[in-house]
Amino acid sequence: MGGYGRMEHLPVSRVTIILVNWNGWRDTIECLDSLLLLDYPDYRIVVCDNGSGDDSLKEIENWADCHKVQYAEYQRTEAEMGGSLVSDTVLTLIRNEENLGFAGGNNVGLRYAMARGDFDYCWMLNNDTMVEPDALTHMVTRLQQQSEFGICGSTILLYHDRQRIQALGGGHYCRWIGLPWHYGRFIGRGKTSNLKRAEGWMNYIEGASMLVSRQFLDEIGLLCEDYFLYFEEADWAIRAEGRFKLAYAQKSIVYHKVGGSIGTSSNPAKMSYISDYYNIRNRLLFTRRFYPVALPTVRLVIVGALLLRLCLGKWDRAAMIFRLLFNSNADTTS
């Protein structure tokens, strides 16, 4: 971006930062405020709006005008062709006419960046986050330390309780139960974490903050859009196995509101219907695709989830899980 700070001892590589917005302009603007304070010298921001119905883009335009941030705006088709190649604004707004989900929304931004060809890294950042000024600098530094690194994660702290960790970089997906386990979730902030252990243990990067190299995108491709929500980062990582390693930048600090727009929660009693549906659906889809031998145990664990929904009196959720488990026409084979 230039002008918002200086960075020493690091070759300057342009970073495209991608945010996906869906009816969450307040969160997005708070995130943008923190991005303007980054000390990294060369970055551009792309906001992909997934068919919001709350005038999100108008609100973001008003914010940009107020802060004198230059911006360009494109429809999806124009953006995926690179927009105006003579334009190099700080902020780009892309209007998707429908909700494309996490992967679909990010992929529009990635196609825009790849069509322009003027970037070295892309940082996919959840719109309900805030970042420390040096967050991006530490991620780029870590990726540049080893050529085998393809994706880098951050230290992600809970926005409303900043002593609690959501994930240190990423986590480990257990194929036999079909569940991910974020590394560091029970480690208090300030306690020592082992970088080598974290990078050796995790087999995915937490999707709230993922910095990917251009080489990774060229060789592995875009995020898989079959999932709509959840499991995209695990899919990306497993497709890259044997070609790229996962990295973790300990000093890259990101504060995450966790599921503010879609009702994500580890507690089934608090989880929204859409979150519950895609969590169960995609556990089955991901298992069938990559670990079919583990399907019997994953299905057994999901039966337990069905019984828990019954105990909670969530009859509609139990019926949904039953259909996904036992209806051959259920939407788990995309």
C-alpha atoms as a PDB file:
ATOM      1  CA  MET A   1       0.000   0.000   0.000  1.00  0.00           C
ATOM      2  CA  GLY A   2       2.801   2.351   0.885  1.00  0.00           C
ATOM      3  CA  GLY A   3       2.839   5.207   3.340  1.00  0.00           C
ATOM      4  CA  TYR A   4       1.507   3.378   6.406  1.00  0.00           C
ATOM      5  CA  GLY A   5       4.836   2.268   7.835  1.00  0.00           C
ATOM      6  CA  ARG A   6       8.239   0.861   7.002  1.00  0.00           C
ATOM      7  CA  MET A   7       9.614  -2.644   7.175  1.00  0.00           C
ATOM      8  CA  GLU A   8      13.302  -3.482   7.343  1.00  0.00           C
ATOM      9  CA  HIS A   9      15.321  -6.560   6.366  1.00  0.00           C
ATOM     10  CA  LEU A  10      12.535  -7.951   4.170  1.00  0.00           C
ATOM     11  CA  PRO A  11      12.209  -7.851   0.384  1.00  0.00           C
ATOM     12  CA  VAL A  12       8.984  -6.003  -0.315  1.00  0.00           C
ATOM     13  CA  SER A  13       6.381  -8.239  -1.928  1.00  0.00           C
ATOM     14  CA  ARG A  14       2.882  -7.035  -2.725  1.00  0.00           C
ATOM     15  CA  VAL A  15       0.069  -8.607  -0.725  1.00  0.00           C
ATOM     16  CA  THR A  16      -3.586  -8.651  -1.753  1.00  0.00           C
ATOM     17  CA  ILE A  17      -5.845  -8.791   1.312  1.00  0.00           C
ATOM     18  CA  ILE A  18      -9.250 -10.370   0.695  1.00  0.00           C
ATOM     19  CA  LEU A  19     -12.292  -9.881   2.930  1.00  0.00           C
ATOM     20  CA  VAL A  20     -15.670 -11.503   2.251  1.00  0.00           C
ATOM     21  CA  ASN A  21     -18.655  -9.516   3.492  1.00  0.00           C
ATOM     22  CA  TRP A  22     -22.216 -10.759   3.886  1.00  0.00           C
ATOM     23  CA  ASN A  23     -24.563  -8.413   5.744  1.00  0.00           C
ATOM     24  CA  GLY A  24     -21.711  -7.455   8.053  1.00  0.00           C
ATOM     25  CA  TRP A  25     -20.518  -4.000   7.040  1.00  0.00           C
ATOM     26  CA  ARG A  26     -19.963  -2.854  10.638  1.00  0.00           C
ATOM     27  CA  ASP A  27     -17.513  -5.714  11.243  1.00  0.00           C
ATOM     28  CA  THR A  28     -15.910  -5.140   7.845  1.00  0.00           C
ATOM     29  CA  ILE A  29     -15.355  -1.440   8.494  1.00  0.00           C
ATOM     30  CA  GLU A  30     -13.795  -2.177  11.894  1.00  0.00           C
ATOM     31  CA  CYS A  31     -11.466  -4.644  10.174  1.00  0.00           C
ATOM     32  CA  LEU A  32     -10.618  -2.089   7.470  1.00  0.00           C
ATOM     33  CA  ASP A  33      -9.783   0.483  10.151  1.00  0.00           C
ATOM     34  CA  SER A  34      -7.188  -1.908  11.581  1.00  0.00           C
ATOM     35  CA  LEU A  35      -5.802  -2.742   8.133  1.00  0.00           C
ATOM     36  CA  LEU A  36      -5.072   0.910   7.432  1.00  0.00           C
ATOM     37  CA  LEU A  37      -2.670   0.825  10.378  1.00  0.00           C
ATOM     38  CA  LEU A  38      -0.578  -2.083   9.042  1.00  0.00           C
ATOM     39  CA  ASP A  39       3.155  -1.420   8.957  1.00  0.00           C
ATOM     40  CA  TYR A  40       3.625  -3.516   5.822  1.00  0.00           C
ATOM     41  CA  PRO A  41       4.566  -1.158   2.954  1.00  0.00           C
ATOM     42  CA  ASP A  42       2.838  -2.671  -0.082  1.00  0.00           C
ATOM     43  CA  TYR A  43      -0.665  -4.101   0.080  1.00  0.00           C
ATOM     44  CA  ARG A  44      -4.072  -3.718  -1.511  1.00  0.00           C
ATOM     45  CA  ILE A  45      -7.460  -4.588  -0.010  1.00  0.00           C
ATOM     46  CA  VAL A  46     -10.290  -6.372  -1.837  1.00  0.00           C
ATOM     47  CA  VAL A  47     -13.767  -6.627  -0.306  1.00  0.00           C
ATOM     48  CA  CYS A  48     -16.007  -9.201  -1.968  1.00  0.00           C
ATOM     49  CA  ASP A  49     -19.646  -8.621  -1.051  1.00  0.00           C
ATOM     50  CA  ASN A  50     -21.714 -11.811  -1.207  1.00  0.00           C
ATOM     51  CA  GLY A  51     -25.075 -10.338  -2.201  1.00  0.00           C
ATOM     52  CA  SER A  52     -25.707  -8.475   1.047  1.00  0.00           C
ATOM     53  CA  GLY A  53     -29.182  -7.099   1.657  1.00  0.00           C
ATOM     54  CA  ASP A  54     -28.162  -4.401   4.147  1.00  0.00           C
ATOM     55  CA  ASP A  55     -26.551  -1.858   1.785  1.00  0.00           C
ATOM     56  CA  SER A  56     -23.120  -3.043   2.905  1.00  0.00           C
ATOM     57  CA  LEU A  57     -21.286  -1.722  -0.130  1.00  0.00           C
ATOM     58  CA  LYS A  58     -22.866   1.711   0.224  1.00  0.00           C
ATOM     59  CA  GLU A  59     -21.789   1.847   3.873  1.00  0.00           C
ATOM     60  CA  ILE A  60     -18.246   0.800   2.956  1.00  0.00           C
ATOM     61  CA  GLU A  61     -18.165   3.408   0.174  1.00  0.00           C
ATOM     62  CA  ASN A  62     -19.210   6.069   2.708  1.00  0.00           C
ATOM     63  CA  TRP A  63     -16.421   4.881   5.029  1.00  0.00           C
ATOM     64  CA  ALA A  64     -13.868   5.089   2.204  1.00  0.00           C
ATOM     65  CA  ASP A  65     -15.015   8.595   1.238  1.00  0.00           C
ATOM     66  CA  CYS A  66     -14.819   9.717   4.872  1.00  0.00           C
ATOM     67  CA  HIS A  67     -11.266   8.353   5.247  1.00  0.00           C
ATOM     68  CA  LYS A  68     -10.209   9.567   1.778  1.00  0.00           C
ATOM     69  CA  VAL A  69      -9.384   6.005   0.709  1.00  0.00           C
ATOM     70  CA  GLN A  70      -9.399   5.619  -3.058  1.00  0.00           C
ATOM     71  CA  TYR A  71     -11.472   2.701  -4.300  1.00  0.00           C
ATOM     72  CA  ALA A  72     -12.693   1.021  -7.455  1.00  0.00           C
ATOM     73  CA  GLU A  73     -15.878  -1.025  -7.732  1.00  0.00           C
ATOM     74  CA  TYR A  74     -16.636  -3.916 -10.085  1.00  0.00           C
ATOM     75  CA  GLN A  75     -19.255  -6.496 -10.783  1.00  0.00           C
ATOM     76  CA  ARG A  76     -18.038 -10.073 -10.359  1.00  0.00           C
ATOM     77  CA  THR A  77     -17.513 -10.812 -14.068  1.00  0.00           C
ATOM     78  CA  GLU A  78     -15.473  -7.658 -14.627  1.00  0.00           C
ATOM     79  CA  ALA A  79     -13.462  -8.253 -11.469  1.00  0.00           C
ATOM     80  CA  GLU A  80     -12.536 -11.822 -12.389  1.00  0.00           C
ATOM     81  CA  MET A  81     -11.005 -10.424 -15.579  1.00  0.00           C
ATOM     82  CA  GLY A  82      -8.788  -8.128 -13.501  1.00  0.00           C
ATOM     83  CA  GLY A  83     -10.921  -4.999 -13.549  1.00  0.00           C
ATOM     84  CA  SER A  84      -9.278  -1.920 -14.983  1.00  0.00           C
ATOM     85  CA  LEU A  85      -5.613  -2.798 -15.355  1.00  0.00           C
ATOM     86  CA  VAL A  86      -4.658   0.903 -15.329  1.00  0.00           C
ATOM     87  CA  SER A  87      -6.326   1.326 -11.921  1.00  0.00           C
ATOM     88  CA  ASP A  88      -4.297   0.625  -8.764  1.00  0.00           C
ATOM     89  CA  THR A  89      -6.480   1.819  -5.922  1.00  0.00           C
ATOM     90  CA  VAL A  90      -5.923   0.998  -2.258  1.00  0.00           C
ATOM     91  CA  LEU A  91      -9.383  -0.585  -1.987  1.00  0.00           C
ATOM     92  CA  THR A  92     -11.372  -2.639  -4.468  1.00  0.00           C
ATOM     93  CA  LEU A  93     -15.034  -3.467  -3.937  1.00  0.00           C
ATOM     94  CA  ILE A  94     -16.519  -6.427  -5.801  1.00  0.00           C
ATOM     95  CA  ARG A  95     -20.261  -6.916  -6.026  1.00  0.00           C
ATOM     96  CA  ASN A  96     -21.299 -10.576  -6.119  1.00  0.00           C
ATOM     97  CA  GLU A  97     -24.979 -10.862  -6.896  1.00  0.00           C
ATOM     98  CA  GLU A  98     -25.504 -13.839  -4.563  1.00  0.00           C
ATOM     99  CA  ASN A  99     -24.087 -15.483  -1.460  1.00  0.00           C
ATOM    100  CA  LEU A 100     -21.242 -17.636  -2.792  1.00  0.00           C
ATOM    101  CA  GLY A 101     -20.154 -18.889   0.630  1.00  0.00           C
ATOM    102  CA  PHE A 102     -16.688 -18.661   2.155  1.00  0.00           C
ATOM    103  CA  ALA A 103     -14.773 -20.343  -0.662  1.00  0.00           C
ATOM    104  CA  GLY A 104     -16.804 -18.816  -3.483  1.00  0.00           C
ATOM    105  CA  GLY A 105     -16.486 -15.291  -2.136  1.00  0.00           C
ATOM    106  CA  ASN A 106     -12.746 -15.622  -1.531  1.00  0.00           C
ATOM    107  CA  ASN A 107     -12.220 -17.211  -4.938  1.00  0.00           C
ATOM    108  CA  VAL A 108     -13.679 -14.148  -6.666  1.00  0.00           C
ATOM    109  CA  GLY A 109     -11.031 -12.060  -4.915  1.00  0.00           C
ATOM    110  CA  LEU A 110      -8.323 -14.583  -5.762  1.00  0.00           C
ATOM    111  CA  ARG A 111      -9.328 -14.616  -9.448  1.00  0.00           C
ATOM    112  CA  TYR A 112      -9.215 -10.820  -9.454  1.00  0.00           C
ATOM    113  CA  ALA A 113      -5.689 -10.838  -8.027  1.00  0.00           C
ATOM    114  CA  MET A 114      -4.492 -13.592 -10.369  1.00  0.00           C
ATOM    115  CA  ALA A 115      -5.949 -11.864 -13.431  1.00  0.00           C
ATOM    116  CA  ARG A 116      -4.060  -8.695 -12.511  1.00  0.00           C
ATOM    117  CA  GLY A 117      -0.884 -10.631 -11.748  1.00  0.00           C
ATOM    118  CA  ASP A 118       0.527  -7.882  -9.517  1.00  0.00           C
ATOM    119  CA  PHE A 119       0.770  -9.775  -6.212  1.00  0.00           C
ATOM    120  CA  ASP A 120       3.144 -12.161  -4.445  1.00  0.00           C
ATOM    121  CA  TYR A 121       0.850 -13.258  -1.607  1.00  0.00           C
ATOM    122  CA  CYS A 122      -2.866 -13.224  -0.830  1.00  0.00           C
ATOM    123  CA  TRP A 123      -4.111 -12.828   2.729  1.00  0.00           C
ATOM    124  CA  MET A 124      -7.604 -14.237   3.262  1.00  0.00           C
ATOM    125  CA  LEU A 125      -8.898 -12.603   6.394  1.00  0.00           C
ATOM    126  CA  ASN A 126     -12.332 -12.970   7.986  1.00  0.00           C
ATOM    127  CA  ASN A 127     -14.215  -9.701   7.956  1.00  0.00           C
ATOM    128  CA  ASP A 128     -15.101 -10.053  11.670  1.00  0.00           C
ATOM    129  CA  THR A 129     -11.478  -9.650  12.747  1.00  0.00           C
ATOM    130  CA  MET A 130      -9.108  -6.892  13.819  1.00  0.00           C
ATOM    131  CA  VAL A 131      -5.352  -7.170  13.382  1.00  0.00           C
ATOM    132  CA  GLU A 132      -2.254  -5.799  15.065  1.00  0.00           C
ATOM    133  CA  PRO A 133      -0.215  -3.397  12.885  1.00  0.00           C
ATOM    134  CA  ASP A 134       2.634  -5.891  12.409  1.00  0.00           C
ATOM    135  CA  ALA A 135       0.409  -8.947  11.798  1.00  0.00           C
ATOM    136  CA  LEU A 136       1.030  -9.071   8.051  1.00  0.00           C
ATOM    137  CA  THR A 137       4.754  -8.327   8.329  1.00  0.00           C
ATOM    138  CA  HIS A 138       5.298 -11.373  10.550  1.00  0.00           C
ATOM    139  CA  MET A 139       3.342 -13.644   8.199  1.00  0.00           C
ATOM    140  CA  VAL A 140       5.256 -12.597   5.102  1.00  0.00           C
ATOM    141  CA  THR A 141       8.537 -12.949   6.999  1.00  0.00           C
ATOM    142  CA  ARG A 142       7.666 -16.510   8.030  1.00  0.00           C
ATOM    143  CA  LEU A 143       6.641 -17.604   4.536  1.00  0.00           C
ATOM    144  CA  GLN A 144       9.859 -16.199   3.104  1.00  0.00           C
ATOM    145  CA  GLN A 145      11.996 -18.204   5.534  1.00  0.00           C
ATOM    146  CA  GLN A 146      11.419 -21.527   3.729  1.00  0.00           C
ATOM    147  CA  SER A 147      10.553 -22.033   0.069  1.00  0.00           C
ATOM    148  CA  GLU A 148       8.479 -25.113   0.972  1.00  0.00           C
ATOM    149  CA  PHE A 149       5.960 -23.019   2.929  1.00  0.00           C
ATOM    150  CA  GLY A 150       2.695 -22.407   1.065  1.00  0.00           C
ATOM    151  CA  ILE A 151       0.188 -21.196   3.679  1.00  0.00           C
ATOM    152  CA  CYS A 152       0.828 -19.301   6.907  1.00  0.00           C
ATOM    153  CA  GLY A 153      -1.488 -18.836   9.874  1.00  0.00           C
ATOM    154  CA  SER A 154      -1.652 -16.334  12.737  1.00  0.00           C
ATOM    155  CA  THR A 155      -2.101 -16.365  16.479  1.00  0.00           C
ATOM    156  CA  ILE A 156      -5.871 -15.925  16.633  1.00  0.00           C
ATOM    157  CA  LEU A 157      -7.308 -14.561  19.871  1.00  0.00           C
ATOM    158  CA  LEU A 158     -10.955 -14.137  20.805  1.00  0.00           C
ATOM    159  CA  TYR A 159     -12.022 -10.557  20.140  1.00  0.00           C
ATOM    160  CA  HIS A 160     -14.195 -10.297  23.260  1.00  0.00           C
ATOM    161  CA  ASP A 161     -11.742 -12.132  25.553  1.00  0.00           C
ATOM    162  CA  ARG A 162      -8.237 -11.379  24.363  1.00  0.00           C
ATOM    163  CA  GLN A 163      -6.546 -13.652  26.882  1.00  0.00           C
ATOM    164  CA  ARG A 164      -8.187 -16.685  25.234  1.00  0.00           C
ATOM    165  CA  ILE A 165      -6.742 -18.357  22.170  1.00  0.00           C
ATOM    166  CA  GLN A 166      -8.872 -19.629  19.308  1.00  0.00           C
ATOM    167  CA  ALA A 167      -5.954 -21.135  17.388  1.00  0.00           C
ATOM    168  CA  LEU A 168      -2.185 -20.949  17.134  1.00  0.00           C
ATOM    169  CA  GLY A 169      -1.834 -21.057  13.369  1.00  0.00           C
ATOM    170  CA  GLY A 170      -4.176 -23.936  12.729  1.00  0.00           C
ATOM    171  CA  GLY A 171      -4.959 -27.344  14.090  1.00  0.00           C
ATOM    172  CA  HIS A 172      -5.244 -31.051  13.531  1.00  0.00           C
ATOM    173  CA  TYR A 173      -8.103 -32.756  11.730  1.00  0.00           C
ATOM    174  CA  CYS A 174      -8.839 -36.224  13.118  1.00  0.00           C
ATOM    175  CA  ARG A 175     -10.077 -38.361  10.256  1.00  0.00           C
ATOM    176  CA  TRP A 176     -11.612 -41.037  12.496  1.00  0.00           C
ATOM    177  CA  ILE A 177     -14.143 -38.730  14.135  1.00  0.00           C
ATOM    178  CA  GLY A 178     -14.333 -36.122  11.389  1.00  0.00           C
ATOM    179  CA  LEU A 179     -13.519 -33.169  13.616  1.00  0.00           C
ATOM    180  CA  PRO A 180     -10.795 -30.504  13.666  1.00  0.00           C
ATOM    181  CA  TRP A 181      -8.965 -29.541  16.850  1.00  0.00           C
ATOM    182  CA  HIS A 182      -7.462 -26.051  16.939  1.00  0.00           C
ATOM    183  CA  TYR A 183      -3.933 -26.027  18.314  1.00  0.00           C
ATOM    184  CA  GLY A 184      -3.577 -23.919  21.453  1.00  0.00           C
ATOM    185  CA  ARG A 185      -7.237 -23.552  22.374  1.00  0.00           C
ATOM    186  CA  PHE A 186      -6.474 -24.499  25.993  1.00  0.00           C
ATOM    187  CA  ILE A 187      -3.212 -22.552  26.223  1.00  0.00           C
ATOM    188  CA  GLY A 188      -3.567 -19.195  27.937  1.00  0.00           C
ATOM    189  CA  ARG A 189      -2.173 -16.141  26.183  1.00  0.00           C
ATOM    190  CA  GLY A 190       1.369 -15.413  27.248  1.00  0.00           C
ATOM    191  CA  LYS A 191       2.214 -19.033  27.939  1.00  0.00           C
ATOM    192  CA  THR A 192       4.988 -20.577  25.880  1.00  0.00           C
ATOM    193  CA  SER A 193       4.031 -22.402  22.687  1.00  0.00           C
ATOM    194  CA  ASN A 194       6.478 -24.393  20.631  1.00  0.00           C
ATOM    195  CA  LEU A 195       6.687 -23.245  17.013  1.00  0.00           C
ATOM    196  CA  LYS A 196       8.104 -26.506  15.670  1.00  0.00           C
ATOM    197  CA  ARG A 197       5.516 -28.534  17.571  1.00  0.00           C
ATOM    198  CA  ALA A 198       2.687 -26.358  16.264  1.00  0.00           C
ATOM    199  CA  GLU A 199       3.842 -26.570  12.645  1.00  0.00           C
ATOM    200  CA  GLY A 200       4.534 -30.301  12.942  1.00  0.00           C
ATOM    201  CA  TRP A 201       1.182 -31.113  14.532  1.00  0.00           C
ATOM    202  CA  MET A 202      -1.231 -29.047  12.474  1.00  0.00           C
ATOM    203  CA  ASN A 203      -2.591 -30.332   9.185  1.00  0.00           C
ATOM    204  CA  TYR A 204      -4.686 -27.279   8.348  1.00  0.00           C
ATOM    205  CA  ILE A 205      -4.486 -23.494   8.807  1.00  0.00           C
ATOM    206  CA  GLU A 206      -7.355 -21.795  10.636  1.00  0.00           C
ATOM    207  CA  GLY A 207      -9.373 -20.060   7.916  1.00  0.00           C
ATOM    208  CA  ALA A 208      -9.876 -16.773   9.758  1.00  0.00           C
ATOM    209  CA  SER A 209      -6.348 -15.751   8.720  1.00  0.00           C
ATOM    210  CA  MET A 210      -4.503 -17.494   5.875  1.00  0.00           C
ATOM    211  CA  LEU A 211      -1.603 -16.024   3.902  1.00  0.00           C
ATOM    212  CA  VAL A 212      -0.930 -18.009   0.717  1.00  0.00           C
ATOM    213  CA  SER A 213       1.856 -17.658  -1.796  1.00  0.00           C
ATOM    214  CA  ARG A 214       1.325 -17.082  -5.480  1.00  0.00           C
ATOM    215  CA  GLN A 215       3.214 -20.309  -6.201  1.00  0.00           C
ATOM    216  CA  PHE A 216       0.764 -22.207  -3.988  1.00  0.00           C
ATOM    217  CA  LEU A 217      -2.187 -20.809  -5.929  1.00  0.00           C
ATOM    218  CA  ASP A 218      -0.570 -21.579  -9.276  1.00  0.00           C
ATOM    219  CA  GLU A 219       0.144 -25.213  -8.326  1.00  0.00           C
ATOM    220  CA  ILE A 220      -2.739 -26.164  -6.001  1.00  0.00           C
ATOM    221  CA  GLY A 221      -5.523 -23.969  -7.338  1.00  0.00           C
ATOM    222  CA  LEU A 222      -8.360 -22.132  -5.641  1.00  0.00           C
ATOM    223  CA  LEU A 223     -10.467 -23.070  -2.638  1.00  0.00           C
ATOM    224  CA  CYS A 224     -12.990 -25.862  -3.256  1.00  0.00           C
ATOM    225  CA  GLU A 225     -16.482 -24.374  -3.505  1.00  0.00           C
ATOM    226  CA  ASP A 226     -18.343 -27.634  -2.837  1.00  0.00           C
ATOM    227  CA  TYR A 227     -18.451 -26.977   0.913  1.00  0.00           C
ATOM    228  CA  PHE A 228     -19.956 -23.440   1.008  1.00  0.00           C
ATOM    229  CA  LEU A 229     -18.960 -23.149   4.708  1.00  0.00           C
ATOM    230  CA  TYR A 230     -16.329 -25.032   6.724  1.00  0.00           C
ATOM    231  CA  PHE A 231     -13.668 -27.590   5.746  1.00  0.00           C
ATOM    232  CA  GLU A 232     -12.346 -25.504   2.835  1.00  0.00           C
ATOM    233  CA  GLU A 233      -9.029 -24.889   4.585  1.00  0.00           C
ATOM    234  CA  ALA A 234      -8.626 -28.589   5.439  1.00  0.00           C
ATOM    235  CA  ASP A 235      -9.398 -29.491   1.818  1.00  0.00           C
ATOM    236  CA  TRP A 236      -6.824 -26.961   0.601  1.00  0.00           C
ATOM    237  CA  ALA A 237      -4.138 -28.295   2.935  1.00  0.00           C
ATOM    238  CA  ILE A 238      -4.661 -31.952   2.081  1.00  0.00           C
ATOM    239  CA  ARG A 239      -4.539 -31.172  -1.649  1.00  0.00           C
ATOM    240  CA  ALA A 240      -1.144 -29.565  -1.043  1.00  0.00           C
ATOM    241  CA  GLU A 241       0.352 -32.460   0.938  1.00  0.00           C
ATOM    242  CA  GLY A 242       3.779 -33.460  -0.334  1.00  0.00           C
ATOM    243  CA  ARG A 243       4.270 -30.189  -2.208  1.00  0.00           C
ATOM    244  CA  PHE A 244       3.890 -27.455   0.395  1.00  0.00           C
ATOM    245  CA  LYS A 245       4.283 -27.163   4.151  1.00  0.00           C
ATOM    246  CA  LEU A 246       2.128 -25.198   6.580  1.00  0.00           C
ATOM    247  CA  ALA A 247       3.651 -22.287   8.504  1.00  0.00           C
ATOM    248  CA  TYR A 248       2.740 -20.384  11.648  1.00  0.00           C
ATOM    249  CA  ALA A 249       3.739 -16.809  12.452  1.00  0.00           C
ATOM    250  CA  GLN A 250       3.582 -16.606  16.251  1.00  0.00           C
ATOM    251  CA  LYS A 251       3.754 -12.812  16.452  1.00  0.00           C
ATOM    252  CA  SER A 252       1.023 -12.233  13.866  1.00  0.00           C
ATOM    253  CA  ILE A 253      -1.902 -11.335  16.142  1.00  0.00           C
ATOM    254  CA  VAL A 254      -5.496 -11.421  14.899  1.00  0.00           C
ATOM    255  CA  TYR A 255      -8.582 -10.856  17.063  1.00  0.00           C
ATOM    256  CA  HIS A 256     -11.620 -12.823  15.892  1.00  0.00           C
ATOM    257  CA  LYS A 257     -15.267 -12.369  16.835  1.00  0.00           C
ATOM    258  CA  VAL A 258     -15.931 -16.034  15.868  1.00  0.00           C
ATOM    259  CA  GLY A 259     -19.078 -16.685  13.890  1.00  0.00           C
ATOM    260  CA  GLY A 260     -20.632 -13.273  14.273  1.00  0.00           C
ATOM    261  CA  SER A 261     -22.417 -13.447  10.924  1.00  0.00           C
ATOM    262  CA  ILE A 262     -23.385 -17.138  10.682  1.00  0.00           C
ATOM    263  CA  GLY A 263     -23.723 -18.281  14.296  1.00  0.00           C
ATOM    264  CA  THR A 264     -20.685 -20.532  14.569  1.00  0.00           C
ATOM    265  CA  SER A 265     -20.277 -22.110  18.011  1.00  0.00           C
ATOM    266  CA  SER A 266     -18.741 -25.233  19.501  1.00  0.00           C
ATOM    267  CA  ASN A 267     -21.833 -25.484  21.709  1.00  0.00           C
ATOM    268  CA  PRO A 268     -24.687 -27.223  19.814  1.00  0.00           C
ATOM    269  CA  ALA A 269     -27.234 -25.363  21.937  1.00  0.00           C
ATOM    270  CA  LYS A 270     -25.939 -22.008  20.614  1.00  0.00           C
ATOM    271  CA  MET A 271     -25.082 -22.989  17.042  1.00  0.00           C
ATOM    272  CA  SER A 272     -27.271 -21.591  14.261  1.00  0.00           C
ATOM    273  CA  TYR A 273     -29.146 -23.956  11.954  1.00  0.00           C
ATOM    274  CA  ILE A 274     -27.018 -23.048   8.922  1.00  0.00           C
ATOM    275  CA  SER A 275     -23.821 -23.595  10.906  1.00  0.00           C
ATOM    276  CA  ASP A 276     -25.066 -26.936  12.238  1.00  0.00           C
ATOM    277  CA  TYR A 277     -26.140 -28.080   8.778  1.00  0.00           C
ATOM    278  CA  TYR A 278     -22.882 -27.334   6.967  1.00  0.00           C
ATOM    279  CA  ASN A 279     -20.779 -28.657   9.828  1.00  0.00           C
ATOM    280  CA  ILE A 280     -22.483 -32.072   9.645  1.00  0.00           C
ATOM    281  CA  ARG A 281     -22.876 -32.114   5.863  1.00  0.00           C
ATOM    282  CA  ASN A 282     -19.249 -31.284   5.205  1.00  0.00           C
ATOM    283  CA  ARG A 283     -17.873 -33.787   7.701  1.00  0.00           C
ATOM    284  CA  LEU A 284     -19.519 -36.454   5.576  1.00  0.00           C
ATOM    285  CA  LEU A 285     -18.497 -34.870   2.275  1.00  0.00           C
ATOM    286  CA  PHE A 286     -14.876 -34.384   3.325  1.00  0.00           C
ATOM    287  CA  THR A 287     -14.632 -37.914   4.712  1.00  0.00           C
ATOM    288  CA  ARG A 288     -16.078 -39.491   1.576  1.00  0.00           C
ATOM    289  CA  ARG A 289     -13.669 -37.495  -0.566  1.00  0.00           C
ATOM    290  CA  PHE A 290     -10.407 -38.051   1.298  1.00  0.00           C
ATOM    291  CA  TYR A 291     -10.836 -40.700   4.022  1.00  0.00           C
ATOM    292  CA  PRO A 292     -13.587 -43.140   2.960  1.00  0.00           C
ATOM    293  CA  VAL A 293     -12.134 -45.833   5.225  1.00  0.00           C
ATOM    294  CA  ALA A 294     -13.083 -43.643   8.203  1.00  0.00           C
ATOM    295  CA  LEU A 295     -16.694 -43.156   7.130  1.00  0.00           C
ATOM    296  CA  PRO A 296     -18.173 -45.776   9.560  1.00  0.00           C
ATOM    297  CA  THR A 297     -16.626 -44.142  12.642  1.00  0.00           C
ATOM    298  CA  VAL A 298     -17.487 -40.627  11.462  1.00  0.00           C
ATOM    299  CA  ARG A 299     -21.094 -41.674  10.904  1.00  0.00           C
ATOM    300  CA  LEU A 300     -21.189 -43.182  14.397  1.00  0.00           C
ATOM    301  CA  VAL A 301     -19.962 -39.911  15.923  1.00  0.00           C
ATOM    302  CA  ILE A 302     -22.625 -38.027  13.959  1.00  0.00           C
ATOM    303  CA  VAL A 303     -25.301 -40.376  15.303  1.00  0.00           C
ATOM    304  CA  GLY A 304     -24.165 -39.202  18.724  1.00  0.00           C
ATOM    305  CA  ALA A 305     -24.650 -35.609  17.542  1.00  0.00           C
ATOM    306  CA  LEU A 306     -28.180 -36.527  16.431  1.00  0.00           C
ATOM    307  CA  LEU A 307     -28.992 -37.947  19.886  1.00  0.00           C
ATOM    308  CA  LEU A 308     -27.607 -34.817  21.531  1.00  0.00           C
ATOM    309  CA  ARG A 309     -29.901 -32.615  19.428  1.00  0.00           C
ATOM    310  CA  LEU A 310     -32.839 -34.767  20.571  1.00  0.00           C
ATOM    311  CA  CYS A 311     -31.805 -34.303  24.210  1.00  0.00           C
ATOM    312  CA  LEU A 312     -31.683 -30.548  23.623  1.00  0.00           C
ATOM    313  CA  GLY A 313     -35.189 -30.622  22.129  1.00  0.00           C
ATOM    314  CA  LYS A 314     -33.907 -29.458  18.735  1.00  0.00           C
ATOM    315  CA  TRP A 315     -36.160 -31.710  16.676  1.00  0.00           C
ATOM    316  CA  ASP A 316     -35.534 -29.889  13.396  1.00  0.00           C
ATOM    317  CA  ARG A 317     -31.769 -30.316  13.823  1.00  0.00           C
ATOM    318  CA  ALA A 318     -32.142 -34.020  14.618  1.00  0.00           C
ATOM    319  CA  ALA A 319     -34.308 -34.494  11.537  1.00  0.00           C
ATOM    320  CA  MET A 320     -31.748 -32.647   9.403  1.00  0.00           C
ATOM    321  CA  ILE A 321     -28.905 -34.864  10.656  1.00  0.00           C
ATOM    322  CA  PHE A 322     -30.985 -37.988  10.082  1.00  0.00           C
ATOM    323  CA  ARG A 323     -31.573 -36.959   6.454  1.00  0.00           C
ATOM    324  CA  LEU A 324     -27.870 -36.296   5.920  1.00  0.00           C
ATOM    325  CA  LEU A 325     -26.939 -39.665   7.429  1.00  0.00           C
ATOM    326  CA  PHE A 326     -29.525 -41.950   5.911  1.00  0.00           C
ATOM    327  CA  ASN A 327     -31.031 -40.281   2.850  1.00  0.00           C
ATOM    328  CA  SER A 328     -29.097 -41.206  -0.269  1.00  0.00           C
ATOM    329  CA  ASN A 329     -30.396 -38.019  -1.910  1.00  0.00           C
ATOM    330  CA  ALA A 330     -29.029 -35.809   0.859  1.00  0.00           C
ATOM    331  CA  ASP A 331     -26.703 -33.056  -0.320  1.00  0.00           C
ATOM    332  CA  THR A 332     -23.363 -34.611   0.669  1.00  0.00           C
ATOM    333  CA  THR A 333     -21.986 -35.755  -2.662  1.00  0.00           C
ATOM    334  CA  SER A 334     -21.317 -32.455  -4.446  1.00  0.00           C
END
